[in-house]
PDB file of N, CA and C in Angstrom:
ATOM      1  N   MET A   1     121.869 115.797  92.058  1.00  0.00           N
ATOM      2  CA  MET A   1     121.020 114.647  92.529  1.00  0.00           C
ATOM      3  C   MET A   1     121.000 113.954  91.128  1.00  0.00           C
ATOM      4  N   LYS A   2     120.537 112.829  91.110  1.00  0.00           N
ATOM      5  CA  LYS A   2     120.665 111.971  89.854  1.00  0.00           C
ATOM      6  C   LYS A   2     119.169 110.879  89.749  1.00  0.00           C
ATOM      7  N   LEU A   3     118.728 110.990  88.902  1.00  0.00           N
ATOM      8  CA  LEU A   3     117.331 110.272  88.792  1.00  0.00           C
ATOM      9  C   LEU A   3     117.794 108.870  88.241  1.00  0.00           C
ATOM     10  N   ILE A   4     117.318 107.806  88.975  1.00  0.00           N
ATOM     11  CA  ILE A   4     117.443 106.499  89.015  1.00  0.00           C
ATOM     12  C   ILE A   4     116.246 105.877  88.178  1.00  0.00           C
ATOM     13  N   ASN A   5     116.297 104.943  87.687  1.00  0.00           N
ATOM     14  CA  ASN A   5     114.680 104.402  87.168  1.00  0.00           C
ATOM     15  C   ASN A   5     115.056 102.834  87.374  1.00  0.00           C
ATOM     16  N   HIS A   6     113.770 102.178  87.401  1.00  0.00           N
ATOM     17  CA  HIS A   6     113.707 100.557  87.589  1.00  0.00           C
ATOM     18  C   HIS A   6     112.792 100.169  86.345  1.00  0.00           C
ATOM     19  N   ILE A   7     113.018 100.640  85.160  1.00  0.00           N
ATOM     20  CA  ILE A   7     112.160 100.452  84.123  1.00  0.00           C
ATOM     21  C   ILE A   7     112.435  98.899  83.702  1.00  0.00           C
ATOM     22  N   LYS A   8     113.968  98.850  83.623  1.00  0.00           N
ATOM     23  CA  LYS A   8     114.292  97.451  82.596  1.00  0.00           C
ATOM     24  C   LYS A   8     113.575  96.246  83.610  1.00  0.00           C
ATOM     25  N   GLN A   9     113.721  96.455  84.819  1.00  0.00           N
ATOM     26  CA  GLN A   9     113.471  95.465  85.679  1.00  0.00           C
ATOM     27  C   GLN A   9     111.700  95.079  85.407  1.00  0.00           C
ATOM     28  N   HIS A  10     111.058  95.866  85.711  1.00  0.00           N
ATOM     29  CA  HIS A  10     109.471  96.352  85.391  1.00  0.00           C
ATOM     30  C   HIS A  10     109.146  95.595  84.206  1.00  0.00           C
ATOM     31  N   ARG A  11     109.562  95.962  83.167  1.00  0.00           N
ATOM     32  CA  ARG A  11     109.740  95.747  81.705  1.00  0.00           C
ATOM     33  C   ARG A  11     109.739  94.394  81.592  1.00  0.00           C
ATOM     34  N   ALA A  12     110.751  93.716  82.056  1.00  0.00           N
ATOM     35  CA  ALA A  12     111.030  92.225  82.077  1.00  0.00           C
ATOM     36  C   ALA A  12     109.887  91.676  82.742  1.00  0.00           C
ATOM     37  N   ARG A  13     109.561  92.350  83.875  1.00  0.00           N
ATOM     38  CA  ARG A  13     108.630  91.425  84.673  1.00  0.00           C
ATOM     39  C   ARG A  13     107.568  91.185  83.947  1.00  0.00           C
ATOM     40  N   LEU A  14     107.147  92.161  83.401  1.00  0.00           N
ATOM     41  CA  LEU A  14     105.787  92.069  82.186  1.00  0.00           C
ATOM     42  C   LEU A  14     106.373  91.487  80.991  1.00  0.00           C
ATOM     43  N   ASP A  15     107.419  91.283  80.709  1.00  0.00           N
ATOM     44  CA  ASP A  15     107.716  90.203  79.495  1.00  0.00           C
ATOM     45  C   ASP A  15     107.414  91.023  78.131  1.00  0.00           C
ATOM     46  N   LEU A  16     107.939  92.610  78.511  1.00  0.00           N
ATOM     47  CA  LEU A  16     107.418  93.557  77.621  1.00  0.00           C
ATOM     48  C   LEU A  16     109.361  94.017  77.022  1.00  0.00           C
ATOM     49  N   THR A  17     109.278  94.081  75.608  1.00  0.00           N
ATOM     50  CA  THR A  17     110.525  94.352  74.767  1.00  0.00           C
ATOM     51  C   THR A  17     110.509  96.249  75.124  1.00  0.00           C
ATOM     52  N   GLN A  18     111.545  96.728  74.864  1.00  0.00           N
ATOM     53  CA  GLN A  18     111.764  98.108  74.690  1.00  0.00           C
ATOM     54  C   GLN A  18     110.991  98.505  73.683  1.00  0.00           C
ATOM     55  N   GLN A  19     110.949  97.650  72.436  1.00  0.00           N
ATOM     56  CA  GLN A  19     109.691  98.298  71.403  1.00  0.00           C
ATOM     57  C   GLN A  19     108.618  98.054  71.542  1.00  0.00           C
ATOM     58  N   GLU A  20     107.873  97.277  72.182  1.00  0.00           N
ATOM     59  CA  GLU A  20     106.308  97.142  72.907  1.00  0.00           C
ATOM     60  C   GLU A  20     106.419  98.367  73.778  1.00  0.00           C
ATOM     61  N   LEU A  21     107.538  98.674  74.833  1.00  0.00           N
ATOM     62  CA  LEU A  21     106.675  99.715  75.970  1.00  0.00           C
ATOM     63  C   LEU A  21     106.720 101.135  74.959  1.00  0.00           C
ATOM     64  N   ALA A  22     107.999 101.315  73.703  1.00  0.00           N
ATOM     65  CA  ALA A  22     107.923 102.381  73.364  1.00  0.00           C
ATOM     66  C   ALA A  22     106.630 102.627  72.427  1.00  0.00           C
ATOM     67  N   GLU A  23     106.145 101.642  71.763  1.00  0.00           N
ATOM     68  CA  GLU A  23     104.872 101.602  71.015  1.00  0.00           C
ATOM     69  C   GLU A  23     103.870 102.047  71.963  1.00  0.00           C
ATOM     70  N   LYS A  24     103.794 101.458  73.228  1.00  0.00           N
ATOM     71  CA  LYS A  24     102.390 101.618  74.021  1.00  0.00           C
ATOM     72  C   LYS A  24     102.605 103.407  74.324  1.00  0.00           C
ATOM     73  N   ILE A  25     103.565 103.857  74.837  1.00  0.00           N
ATOM     74  CA  ILE A  25     103.685 105.335  74.865  1.00  0.00           C
ATOM     75  C   ILE A  25     104.007 106.276  73.772  1.00  0.00           C
ATOM     76  N   GLY A  26     104.249 105.835  72.469  1.00  0.00           N
ATOM     77  CA  GLY A  26     104.376 106.671  71.447  1.00  0.00           C
ATOM     78  C   GLY A  26     105.933 107.565  71.316  1.00  0.00           C
ATOM     79  N   VAL A  27     106.803 106.377  71.716  1.00  0.00           N
ATOM     80  CA  VAL A  27     108.278 106.954  71.393  1.00  0.00           C
ATOM     81  C   VAL A  27     109.016 106.081  70.721  1.00  0.00           C
ATOM     82  N   ARG A  28     110.649 106.538  70.494  1.00  0.00           N
ATOM     83  CA  ARG A  28     110.992 105.495  69.628  1.00  0.00           C
ATOM     84  C   ARG A  28     111.775 104.320  70.854  1.00  0.00           C
ATOM     85  N   ARG A  29     112.176 103.157  70.030  1.00  0.00           N
ATOM     86  CA  ARG A  29     112.959 102.117  71.177  1.00  0.00           C
ATOM     87  C   ARG A  29     113.788 102.663  71.760  1.00  0.00           C
ATOM     88  N   GLN A  30     114.904 103.999  71.230  1.00  0.00           N
ATOM     89  CA  GLN A  30     116.255 104.161  71.513  1.00  0.00           C
ATOM     90  C   GLN A  30     115.944 105.432  72.619  1.00  0.00           C
ATOM     91  N   THR A  31     114.405 105.888  72.469  1.00  0.00           N
ATOM     92  CA  THR A  31     114.329 106.695  73.737  1.00  0.00           C
ATOM     93  C   THR A  31     114.334 105.700  75.192  1.00  0.00           C
ATOM     94  N   ILE A  32     113.511 104.354  75.039  1.00  0.00           N
ATOM     95  CA  ILE A  32     113.560 103.706  76.284  1.00  0.00           C
ATOM     96  C   ILE A  32     114.748 103.246  76.575  1.00  0.00           C
ATOM     97  N   LEU A  33     115.674 102.916  75.789  1.00  0.00           N
ATOM     98  CA  LEU A  33     117.216 102.182  75.690  1.00  0.00           C
ATOM     99  C   LEU A  33     117.694 103.674  76.859  1.00  0.00           C
ATOM    100  N   ALA A  34     117.896 104.755  76.132  1.00  0.00           N
ATOM    101  CA  ALA A  34     118.494 105.925  77.025  1.00  0.00           C
ATOM    102  C   ALA A  34     118.204 106.248  78.109  1.00  0.00           C
ATOM    103  N   ILE A  35     116.812 105.831  78.366  1.00  0.00           N
ATOM    104  CA  ILE A  35     116.260 106.292  79.953  1.00  0.00           C
ATOM    105  C   ILE A  35     116.760 104.938  80.678  1.00  0.00           C
ATOM    106  N   GLU A  36     116.787 103.879  80.253  1.00  0.00           N
ATOM    107  CA  GLU A  36     116.818 102.633  80.980  1.00  0.00           C
ATOM    108  C   GLU A  36     118.515 102.641  81.218  1.00  0.00           C
ATOM    109  N   LYS A  37     119.232 103.544  80.331  1.00  0.00           N
ATOM    110  CA  LYS A  37     120.715 103.352  80.553  1.00  0.00           C
ATOM    111  C   LYS A  37     120.989 104.769  81.531  1.00  0.00           C
ATOM    112  N   ASN A  38     120.132 105.256  82.041  1.00  0.00           N
ATOM    113  CA  ASN A  38     120.650 106.709  82.844  1.00  0.00           C
ATOM    114  C   ASN A  38     121.062 107.641  81.718  1.00  0.00           C
ATOM    115  N   LYS A  39     120.897 107.692  80.549  1.00  0.00           N
ATOM    116  CA  LYS A  39     121.547 108.677  79.788  1.00  0.00           C
ATOM    117  C   LYS A  39     120.603 109.513  79.165  1.00  0.00           C
ATOM    118  N   TYR A  40     119.457 109.516  79.438  1.00  0.00           N
ATOM    119  CA  TYR A  40     118.332 110.359  79.461  1.00  0.00           C
ATOM    120  C   TYR A  40     117.400 110.660  80.310  1.00  0.00           C
ATOM    121  N   VAL A  41     117.203 111.922  81.079  1.00  0.00           N
ATOM    122  CA  VAL A  41     115.923 112.166  81.586  1.00  0.00           C
ATOM    123  C   VAL A  41     114.755 112.486  81.370  1.00  0.00           C
ATOM    124  N   PRO A  42     113.743 111.552  81.440  1.00  0.00           N
ATOM    125  CA  PRO A  42     112.275 111.751  80.963  1.00  0.00           C
ATOM    126  C   PRO A  42     111.358 112.943  81.508  1.00  0.00           C
ATOM    127  N   SER A  43     110.995 113.622  80.772  1.00  0.00           N
ATOM    128  CA  SER A  43     110.022 114.830  81.110  1.00  0.00           C
ATOM    129  C   SER A  43     108.927 114.279  82.124  1.00  0.00           C
ATOM    130  N   ALA A  44     108.541 114.889  82.997  1.00  0.00           N
ATOM    131  CA  ALA A  44     107.324 114.529  83.805  1.00  0.00           C
ATOM    132  C   ALA A  44     106.308 113.845  82.951  1.00  0.00           C
ATOM    133  N   LEU A  45     106.051 114.261  82.224  1.00  0.00           N
ATOM    134  CA  LEU A  45     104.793 113.551  81.259  1.00  0.00           C
ATOM    135  C   LEU A  45     105.347 112.318  80.844  1.00  0.00           C
ATOM    136  N   LEU A  46     106.525 111.927  80.229  1.00  0.00           N
ATOM    137  CA  LEU A  46     107.191 110.741  79.954  1.00  0.00           C
ATOM    138  C   LEU A  46     106.960 110.033  81.062  1.00  0.00           C
ATOM    139  N   ALA A  47     107.558 110.524  81.961  1.00  0.00           N
ATOM    140  CA  ALA A  47     107.965 109.409  83.136  1.00  0.00           C
ATOM    141  C   ALA A  47     106.450 108.742  83.689  1.00  0.00           C
ATOM    142  N   PHE A  48     105.398 109.949  83.572  1.00  0.00           N
ATOM    143  CA  PHE A  48     104.385 109.298  83.987  1.00  0.00           C
ATOM    144  C   PHE A  48     103.582 108.378  83.088  1.00  0.00           C
ATOM    145  N   GLN A  49     103.981 108.571  81.963  1.00  0.00           N
ATOM    146  CA  GLN A  49     103.255 107.588  80.535  1.00  0.00           C
ATOM    147  C   GLN A  49     103.836 106.308  80.918  1.00  0.00           C
ATOM    148  N   ILE A  50     105.398 106.516  81.176  1.00  0.00           N
ATOM    149  CA  ILE A  50     105.954 104.914  81.375  1.00  0.00           C
ATOM    150  C   ILE A  50     105.399 104.150  82.400  1.00  0.00           C
ATOM    151  N   ALA A  51     105.279 104.903  83.855  1.00  0.00           N
ATOM    152  CA  ALA A  51     104.719 104.497  84.502  1.00  0.00           C
ATOM    153  C   ALA A  51     103.242 103.880  84.463  1.00  0.00           C
ATOM    154  N   TRP A  52     102.574 104.311  83.821  1.00  0.00           N
ATOM    155  CA  TRP A  52     101.090 103.875  83.498  1.00  0.00           C
ATOM    156  C   TRP A  52     101.171 102.715  82.607  1.00  0.00           C
ATOM    157  N   ALA A  53     102.013 102.876  81.645  1.00  0.00           N
ATOM    158  CA  ALA A  53     102.264 101.922  80.917  1.00  0.00           C
ATOM    159  C   ALA A  53     102.598 100.498  81.515  1.00  0.00           C
ATOM    160  N   LEU A  54     103.466 100.612  82.692  1.00  0.00           N
ATOM    161  CA  LEU A  54     104.108  99.655  83.278  1.00  0.00           C
ATOM    162  C   LEU A  54     102.954  99.307  84.513  1.00  0.00           C
ATOM    163  N   GLY A  55     101.889  99.882  84.753  1.00  0.00           N
ATOM    164  CA  GLY A  55     101.089  99.655  85.571  1.00  0.00           C
ATOM    165  C   GLY A  55     101.661  99.835  87.053  1.00  0.00           C
ATOM    166  N   MET A  56     102.475 100.964  87.000  1.00  0.00           N
ATOM    167  CA  MET A  56     103.290 101.379  88.131  1.00  0.00           C
ATOM    168  C   MET A  56     103.120 102.461  88.741  1.00  0.00           C
ATOM    169  N   ASN A  57     103.107 102.938  89.943  1.00  0.00           N
ATOM    170  CA  ASN A  57     103.470 104.321  90.762  1.00  0.00           C
ATOM    171  C   ASN A  57     104.742 104.773  90.101  1.00  0.00           C
ATOM    172  N   ILE A  58     104.381 106.043  89.759  1.00  0.00           N
ATOM    173  CA  ILE A  58     105.731 106.923  89.450  1.00  0.00           C
ATOM    174  C   ILE A  58     106.911 106.668  90.601  1.00  0.00           C
ATOM    175  N   ASN A  59     106.510 106.911  91.738  1.00  0.00           N
ATOM    176  CA  ASN A  59     107.135 106.770  93.002  1.00  0.00           C
ATOM    177  C   ASN A  59     108.085 105.456  93.151  1.00  0.00           C
ATOM    178  N   ASP A  60     107.450 104.489  92.561  1.00  0.00           N
ATOM    179  CA  ASP A  60     108.186 103.173  92.435  1.00  0.00           C
ATOM    180  C   ASP A  60     108.951 102.887  91.319  1.00  0.00           C
ATOM    181  N   LEU A  61     108.698 103.848  90.745  1.00  0.00           N
ATOM    182  CA  LEU A  61     109.758 103.433  89.391  1.00  0.00           C
ATOM    183  C   LEU A  61     110.787 104.224  89.342  1.00  0.00           C
ATOM    184  N   PHE A  62     110.877 105.412  89.785  1.00  0.00           N
ATOM    185  CA  PHE A  62     112.018 106.439  89.941  1.00  0.00           C
ATOM    186  C   PHE A  62     112.355 106.752  91.577  1.00  0.00           C
ATOM    187  N   ASP A  63     113.570 107.120  91.427  1.00  0.00           N
ATOM    188  CA  ASP A  63     114.396 107.426  92.734  1.00  0.00           C
ATOM    189  C   ASP A  63     115.432 108.488  92.254  1.00  0.00           C
ATOM    190  N   LEU A  64     115.584 109.299  93.419  1.00  0.00           N
ATOM    191  CA  LEU A  64     116.350 110.358  93.337  1.00  0.00           C
ATOM    192  C   LEU A  64     117.497 109.749  94.318  1.00  0.00           C
ATOM    193  N   GLU A  65     118.727 109.817  93.403  1.00  0.00           N
ATOM    194  CA  GLU A  65     119.902 109.568  94.181  1.00  0.00           C
ATOM    195  C   GLU A  65     120.532 110.631  94.325  1.00  0.00           C
ATOM    196  N   ARG A  66     121.035 111.139  95.955  1.00  0.00           N
ATOM    197  CA  ARG A  66     121.747 112.246  96.264  1.00  0.00           C
ATOM    198  C   ARG A  66     123.058 112.105  95.974  1.00  0.00           C
ATOM    199  N   GLY A  67     123.596 113.259  95.787  1.00  0.00           N
ATOM    200  CA  GLY A  67     125.068 113.082  95.897  1.00  0.00           C
ATOM    201  C   GLY A  67     125.654 113.571  97.007  1.00  0.00           C
ATOM    202  N   LYS A  68     126.966 113.289  97.298  1.00  0.00           N
ATOM    203  CA  LYS A  68     127.675 113.531  98.563  1.00  0.00           C
ATOM    204  C   LYS A  68     127.912 115.398  98.909  1.00  0.00           C
TER     205      LYS A  68
END
């Protein structure tokens, strides 16, 4: 299974830069970049913090993609 996220779309909808989102949740911009590119899977706590910062429900921000 693979964790897919919709952070970039919702961040853009709110006109937030990666840097601004990172500052809201206390991480580096590179962390947001890596998560958006699916190169890093956030911890449950970090995923909830991102969802909160974007005013989203975590279930609407992250999806599980099942392999074959």
